[in-house]
Amino acid sequence: MKKQNKIQPTQLMEYLVPFIIRHQVVLIAFLLLYLICSNFAFLS
């Protein structure tokens, strides 16, 4: 029998959700920074 190394979407979500919750402040800060930079690049 072959062992499946494929990651199940549920397992991925179980890993991602706590990661996102733990790093949500950093992620939001990066997102805002990206939006501000893209807006300045668009305006200039």
PDB file of N, CA and C in Angstrom:
ATOM      1  N   MET A   1       0.835  -1.214   0.000  1.00  0.00           N
ATOM      2  CA  MET A   1       0.000   0.000   0.000  1.00  0.00           C
ATOM      3  C   MET A   1       0.864   1.257   0.000  1.00  0.00           C
ATOM      4  N   LYS A   2       0.496   2.165  -0.864  1.00  0.00           N
ATOM      5  CA  LYS A   2       1.233   3.435  -0.944  1.00  0.00           C
ATOM      6  C   LYS A   2       0.708   4.409   0.100  1.00  0.00           C
ATOM      7  N   LYS A   3       1.652   5.091   0.714  1.00  0.00           N
ATOM      8  CA  LYS A   3       1.256   6.142   1.661  1.00  0.00           C
ATOM      9  C   LYS A   3       1.061   7.438   0.891  1.00  0.00           C
ATOM     10  N   GLN A   4      -0.030   8.111   1.162  1.00  0.00           N
ATOM     11  CA  GLN A   4      -0.288   9.379   0.472  1.00  0.00           C
ATOM     12  C   GLN A   4       0.385  10.526   1.216  1.00  0.00           C
ATOM     13  N   ASN A   5       1.275  11.200   0.498  1.00  0.00           N
ATOM     14  CA  ASN A   5       1.954  12.354   1.076  1.00  0.00           C
ATOM     15  C   ASN A   5       1.208  13.653   0.782  1.00  0.00           C
ATOM     16  N   LYS A   6       0.129  13.528   0.046  1.00  0.00           N
ATOM     17  CA  LYS A   6      -0.668  14.698  -0.323  1.00  0.00           C
ATOM     18  C   LYS A   6      -1.298  15.312   0.924  1.00  0.00           C
ATOM     19  N   ILE A   7      -1.125  16.608   1.053  1.00  0.00           N
ATOM     20  CA  ILE A   7      -1.709  17.315   2.196  1.00  0.00           C
ATOM     21  C   ILE A   7      -3.187  17.555   1.922  1.00  0.00           C
ATOM     22  N   GLN A   8      -4.002  17.156   2.873  1.00  0.00           N
ATOM     23  CA  GLN A   8      -5.441  17.370   2.747  1.00  0.00           C
ATOM     24  C   GLN A   8      -5.771  18.840   3.028  1.00  0.00           C
ATOM     25  N   PRO A   9      -6.750  19.395   2.322  1.00  0.00           N
ATOM     26  CA  PRO A   9      -7.123  20.796   2.549  1.00  0.00           C
ATOM     27  C   PRO A   9      -7.492  21.097   3.998  1.00  0.00           C
ATOM     28  N   THR A  10      -8.142  20.136   4.657  1.00  0.00           N
ATOM     29  CA  THR A  10      -8.531  20.346   6.054  1.00  0.00           C
ATOM     30  C   THR A  10      -7.297  20.467   6.945  1.00  0.00           C
ATOM     31  N   GLN A  11      -6.294  19.623   6.701  1.00  0.00           N
ATOM     32  CA  GLN A  11      -5.053  19.692   7.475  1.00  0.00           C
ATOM     33  C   GLN A  11      -4.355  21.020   7.238  1.00  0.00           C
ATOM     34  N   LEU A  12      -4.374  21.464   5.986  1.00  0.00           N
ATOM     35  CA  LEU A  12      -3.748  22.735   5.632  1.00  0.00           C
ATOM     36  C   LEU A  12      -4.438  23.879   6.367  1.00  0.00           C
ATOM     37  N   MET A  13      -5.759  23.856   6.399  1.00  0.00           N
ATOM     38  CA  MET A  13      -6.518  24.896   7.093  1.00  0.00           C
ATOM     39  C   MET A  13      -6.246  24.857   8.592  1.00  0.00           C
ATOM     40  N   GLU A  14      -6.161  23.654   9.148  1.00  0.00           N
ATOM     41  CA  GLU A  14      -5.873  23.510  10.576  1.00  0.00           C
ATOM     42  C   GLU A  14      -4.517  24.103  10.925  1.00  0.00           C
ATOM     43  N   TYR A  15      -3.582  24.068   9.967  1.00  0.00           N
ATOM     44  CA  TYR A  15      -2.266  24.667  10.191  1.00  0.00           C
ATOM     45  C   TYR A  15      -2.305  26.170   9.942  1.00  0.00           C
ATOM     46  N   LEU A  16      -3.003  26.570   8.875  1.00  0.00           N
ATOM     47  CA  LEU A  16      -3.012  27.974   8.462  1.00  0.00           C
ATOM     48  C   LEU A  16      -3.782  28.883   9.408  1.00  0.00           C
ATOM     49  N   VAL A  17      -4.939  28.422   9.870  1.00  0.00           N
ATOM     50  CA  VAL A  17      -5.790  29.290  10.692  1.00  0.00           C
ATOM     51  C   VAL A  17      -5.076  29.779  11.957  1.00  0.00           C
ATOM     52  N   PRO A  18      -4.468  28.900  12.770  1.00  0.00           N
ATOM     53  CA  PRO A  18      -3.739  29.396  13.950  1.00  0.00           C
ATOM     54  C   PRO A  18      -2.571  30.298  13.567  1.00  0.00           C
ATOM     55  N   PHE A  19      -1.925  29.989  12.433  1.00  0.00           N
ATOM     56  CA  PHE A  19      -0.802  30.806  11.954  1.00  0.00           C
ATOM     57  C   PHE A  19      -1.278  32.213  11.621  1.00  0.00           C
ATOM     58  N   ILE A  20      -2.400  32.301  10.913  1.00  0.00           N
ATOM     59  CA  ILE A  20      -2.959  33.604  10.530  1.00  0.00           C
ATOM     60  C   ILE A  20      -3.396  34.387  11.770  1.00  0.00           C
ATOM     61  N   ILE A  21      -4.037  33.707  12.707  1.00  0.00           N
ATOM     62  CA  ILE A  21      -4.494  34.364  13.935  1.00  0.00           C
ATOM     63  C   ILE A  21      -3.295  34.901  14.720  1.00  0.00           C
ATOM     64  N   ARG A  22      -2.219  34.106  14.773  1.00  0.00           N
ATOM     65  CA  ARG A  22      -1.027  34.502  15.514  1.00  0.00           C
ATOM     66  C   ARG A  22      -0.329  35.694  14.855  1.00  0.00           C
ATOM     67  N   HIS A  23      -0.377  35.729  13.519  1.00  0.00           N
ATOM     68  CA  HIS A  23       0.381  36.747  12.791  1.00  0.00           C
ATOM     69  C   HIS A  23      -0.513  37.768  12.094  1.00  0.00           C
ATOM     70  N   GLN A  24      -1.775  37.865  12.541  1.00  0.00           N
ATOM     71  CA  GLN A  24      -2.719  38.729  11.813  1.00  0.00           C
ATOM     72  C   GLN A  24      -2.284  40.194  11.832  1.00  0.00           C
ATOM     73  N   VAL A  25      -1.696  40.654  12.937  1.00  0.00           N
ATOM     74  CA  VAL A  25      -1.260  42.054  13.016  1.00  0.00           C
ATOM     75  C   VAL A  25      -0.172  42.325  11.986  1.00  0.00           C
ATOM     76  N   VAL A  26       0.786  41.398  11.889  1.00  0.00           N
ATOM     77  CA  VAL A  26       1.884  41.545  10.929  1.00  0.00           C
ATOM     78  C   VAL A  26       1.348  41.491   9.507  1.00  0.00           C
ATOM     79  N   LEU A  27       0.439  40.547   9.257  1.00  0.00           N
ATOM     80  CA  LEU A  27      -0.130  40.394   7.915  1.00  0.00           C
ATOM     81  C   LEU A  27      -0.906  41.636   7.501  1.00  0.00           C
ATOM     82  N   ILE A  28      -1.700  42.188   8.419  1.00  0.00           N
ATOM     83  CA  ILE A  28      -2.473  43.399   8.121  1.00  0.00           C
ATOM     84  C   ILE A  28      -1.530  44.573   7.872  1.00  0.00           C
ATOM     85  N   ALA A  29      -0.467  44.672   8.671  1.00  0.00           N
ATOM     86  CA  ALA A  29       0.504  45.752   8.491  1.00  0.00           C
ATOM     87  C   ALA A  29       1.159  45.667   7.117  1.00  0.00           C
ATOM     88  N   PHE A  30       1.554  44.459   6.712  1.00  0.00           N
ATOM     89  CA  PHE A  30       2.157  44.269   5.389  1.00  0.00           C
ATOM     90  C   PHE A  30       1.167  44.607   4.280  1.00  0.00           C
ATOM     91  N   LEU A  31      -0.084  44.207   4.476  1.00  0.00           N
ATOM     92  CA  LEU A  31      -1.121  44.483   3.483  1.00  0.00           C
ATOM     93  C   LEU A  31      -1.331  45.985   3.322  1.00  0.00           C
ATOM     94  N   LEU A  32      -1.416  46.703   4.445  1.00  0.00           N
ATOM     95  CA  LEU A  32      -1.579  48.157   4.395  1.00  0.00           C
ATOM     96  C   LEU A  32      -0.380  48.816   3.730  1.00  0.00           C
ATOM     97  N   LEU A  33       0.817  48.364   4.092  1.00  0.00           N
ATOM     98  CA  LEU A  33       2.046  48.903   3.505  1.00  0.00           C
ATOM     99  C   LEU A  33       2.058  48.688   2.002  1.00  0.00           C
ATOM    100  N   TYR A  34       1.648  47.502   1.582  1.00  0.00           N
ATOM    101  CA  TYR A  34       1.590  47.173   0.149  1.00  0.00           C
ATOM    102  C   TYR A  34       0.589  48.072  -0.574  1.00  0.00           C
ATOM    103  N   LEU A  35      -0.583  48.264   0.032  1.00  0.00           N
ATOM    104  CA  LEU A  35      -1.611  49.115  -0.577  1.00  0.00           C
ATOM    105  C   LEU A  35      -1.131  50.555  -0.695  1.00  0.00           C
ATOM    106  N   ILE A  36      -0.491  51.065   0.357  1.00  0.00           N
ATOM    107  CA  ILE A  36       0.016  52.442   0.345  1.00  0.00           C
ATOM    108  C   ILE A  36       1.088  52.596  -0.732  1.00  0.00           C
ATOM    109  N   CYS A  37       2.013  51.635  -0.791  1.00  0.00           N
ATOM    110  CA  CYS A  37       3.090  51.691  -1.790  1.00  0.00           C
ATOM    111  C   CYS A  37       2.532  51.628  -3.205  1.00  0.00           C
ATOM    112  N   SER A  38       1.574  50.761  -3.432  1.00  0.00           N
ATOM    113  CA  SER A  38       0.999  50.617  -4.773  1.00  0.00           C
ATOM    114  C   SER A  38       0.228  51.879  -5.159  1.00  0.00           C
ATOM    115  N   ASN A  39      -0.428  52.513  -4.180  1.00  0.00           N
ATOM    116  CA  ASN A  39      -1.148  53.757  -4.457  1.00  0.00           C
ATOM    117  C   ASN A  39      -0.183  54.877  -4.826  1.00  0.00           C
ATOM    118  N   PHE A  40       0.935  54.981  -4.100  1.00  0.00           N
ATOM    119  CA  PHE A  40       1.927  56.006  -4.408  1.00  0.00           C
ATOM    120  C   PHE A  40       2.549  55.763  -5.776  1.00  0.00           C
ATOM    121  N   ALA A  41       2.817  54.507  -6.079  1.00  0.00           N
ATOM    122  CA  ALA A  41       3.400  54.155  -7.381  1.00  0.00           C
ATOM    123  C   ALA A  41       2.416  54.473  -8.501  1.00  0.00           C
ATOM    124  N   PHE A  42       1.139  54.275  -8.228  1.00  0.00           N
ATOM    125  CA  PHE A  42       0.097  54.539  -9.232  1.00  0.00           C
ATOM    126  C   PHE A  42      -0.072  56.041  -9.463  1.00  0.00           C
ATOM    127  N   LEU A  43      -0.005  56.813  -8.378  1.00  0.00           N
ATOM    128  CA  LEU A  43      -0.213  58.259  -8.482  1.00  0.00           C
ATOM    129  C   LEU A  43       0.957  58.960  -9.160  1.00  0.00           C
ATOM    130  N   SER A  44       2.170  58.544  -8.859  1.00  0.00           N
ATOM    131  CA  SER A  44       3.350  59.228  -9.400  1.00  0.00           C
ATOM    132  C   SER A  44       3.599  58.896 -10.865  1.00  0.00           C
TER     133      SER A  44
END
